[in-house]
Amino acid sequence: MVNGCGGVGAISQIWRLVTDRLPPWERCCEEHDLAYEQGGPAAWRKWADAQLRECMLSMGYPFRAWAYWAAVRIFGGSHWGSKD
């Protein structure tokens, strides 16, 4: 399920509430969500997390890129391959 940035899209929702638009890096999170929904071997998860980081880096958000990467590496395992 694509739900945006942050646990169940919380960061996206807060960003939208404050700025009245989605975060500029939302596409990165949505692509990451799609990969997590599909699941697969552990190497695919590592690749998906790296893609999230690289997408955000390419958009000019280095701190956020590394912070999100660390968060999904630490807390994302239970969501890998989850369809809910």
Protein backbone atom coordinates (compact mmCIF):
# COMPACT_ATOMS: atom_id res chain seq x y z
CA MET A 1 0.00 0.00 0.00
CA VAL A 2 1.46 3.33 -1.05
CA ASN A 3 0.97 5.68 1.88
CA GLY A 4 3.65 8.33 1.54
CA CYS A 5 6.57 9.28 3.68
CA GLY A 6 6.92 8.23 7.28
CA GLY A 7 5.04 5.56 9.18
CA VAL A 8 1.60 5.32 7.55
CA GLY A 9 2.33 8.55 5.73
CA ALA A 10 2.52 10.70 8.87
CA ILE A 11 5.29 12.94 7.57
CA SER A 12 3.45 13.47 4.29
CA GLN A 13 0.24 14.32 6.14
CA ILE A 14 1.95 16.80 8.46
CA TRP A 15 3.81 18.39 5.53
CA ARG A 16 0.53 18.76 3.61
CA LEU A 17 -1.21 20.25 6.66
CA VAL A 18 1.51 22.87 7.10
CA THR A 19 2.29 23.69 3.45
CA ASP A 20 -0.94 22.66 1.68
CA ARG A 21 1.04 20.43 -0.71
CA LEU A 22 2.86 17.10 -0.71
CA PRO A 23 6.55 16.93 0.21
CA PRO A 24 8.80 17.44 -2.83
CA TRP A 25 10.34 13.99 -2.22
CA GLU A 26 6.96 12.18 -2.07
CA ARG A 27 7.65 10.28 -5.33
CA CYS A 28 10.73 8.71 -3.70
CA CYS A 29 8.61 7.42 -0.82
CA GLU A 30 5.88 6.12 -3.11
CA GLU A 31 8.36 4.12 -5.19
CA HIS A 32 9.85 2.76 -1.97
CA ASP A 33 6.38 1.80 -0.72
CA LEU A 34 5.71 -0.13 -3.94
CA ALA A 35 8.95 -2.08 -3.54
CA TYR A 36 8.09 -2.87 0.09
CA GLU A 37 4.65 -4.07 -0.92
CA GLN A 38 6.16 -6.47 -3.45
CA GLY A 39 8.76 -7.81 -1.03
CA GLY A 40 11.23 -10.52 -1.97
CA PRO A 41 14.72 -11.51 -0.86
CA ALA A 42 16.60 -9.43 1.71
CA ALA A 43 18.90 -8.11 -1.03
CA TRP A 44 15.87 -6.52 -2.73
CA ARG A 45 14.95 -4.69 0.46
CA LYS A 46 18.50 -3.39 0.77
CA TRP A 47 18.31 -2.20 -2.85
CA ALA A 48 14.90 -0.53 -2.31
CA ASP A 49 16.21 1.31 0.74
CA ALA A 50 19.27 2.48 -1.19
CA GLN A 51 17.01 3.66 -4.03
CA LEU A 52 15.00 5.75 -1.56
CA ARG A 53 18.20 7.34 -0.28
CA GLU A 54 19.57 7.97 -3.79
CA CYS A 55 16.29 9.48 -4.98
CA MET A 56 16.25 11.96 -2.10
CA LEU A 57 19.94 12.74 -2.55
CA SER A 58 19.36 13.47 -6.24
CA MET A 59 16.62 15.93 -5.25
CA GLY A 60 18.96 17.80 -2.92
CA TYR A 61 17.86 16.52 0.50
CA PRO A 62 21.00 14.87 1.91
CA PHE A 63 20.13 14.96 5.61
CA ARG A 64 16.61 13.68 5.00
CA ALA A 65 17.94 11.02 2.60
CA TRP A 66 20.27 9.54 5.19
CA ALA A 67 17.74 9.91 8.02
CA TYR A 68 15.03 8.09 6.06
CA TRP A 69 17.50 5.44 4.93
CA ALA A 70 18.55 4.78 8.54
CA ALA A 71 14.91 4.64 9.67
CA VAL A 72 13.85 2.13 7.03
CA ARG A 73 16.94 -0.01 7.61
CA ILE A 74 16.26 -0.10 11.36
CA PHE A 75 12.45 -0.23 11.47
CA GLY A 76 11.31 -1.34 8.01
CA GLY A 77 11.91 -5.08 8.19
CA SER A 78 8.48 -5.89 9.60
CA HIS A 79 6.83 -4.06 6.68
CA TRP A 80 8.81 -5.78 3.91
CA GLY A 81 6.37 -7.71 1.75
CA SER A 82 3.37 -6.45 3.74
CA LYS A 83 0.19 -5.91 1.74
CA ASP A 84 -1.68 -3.92 4.42
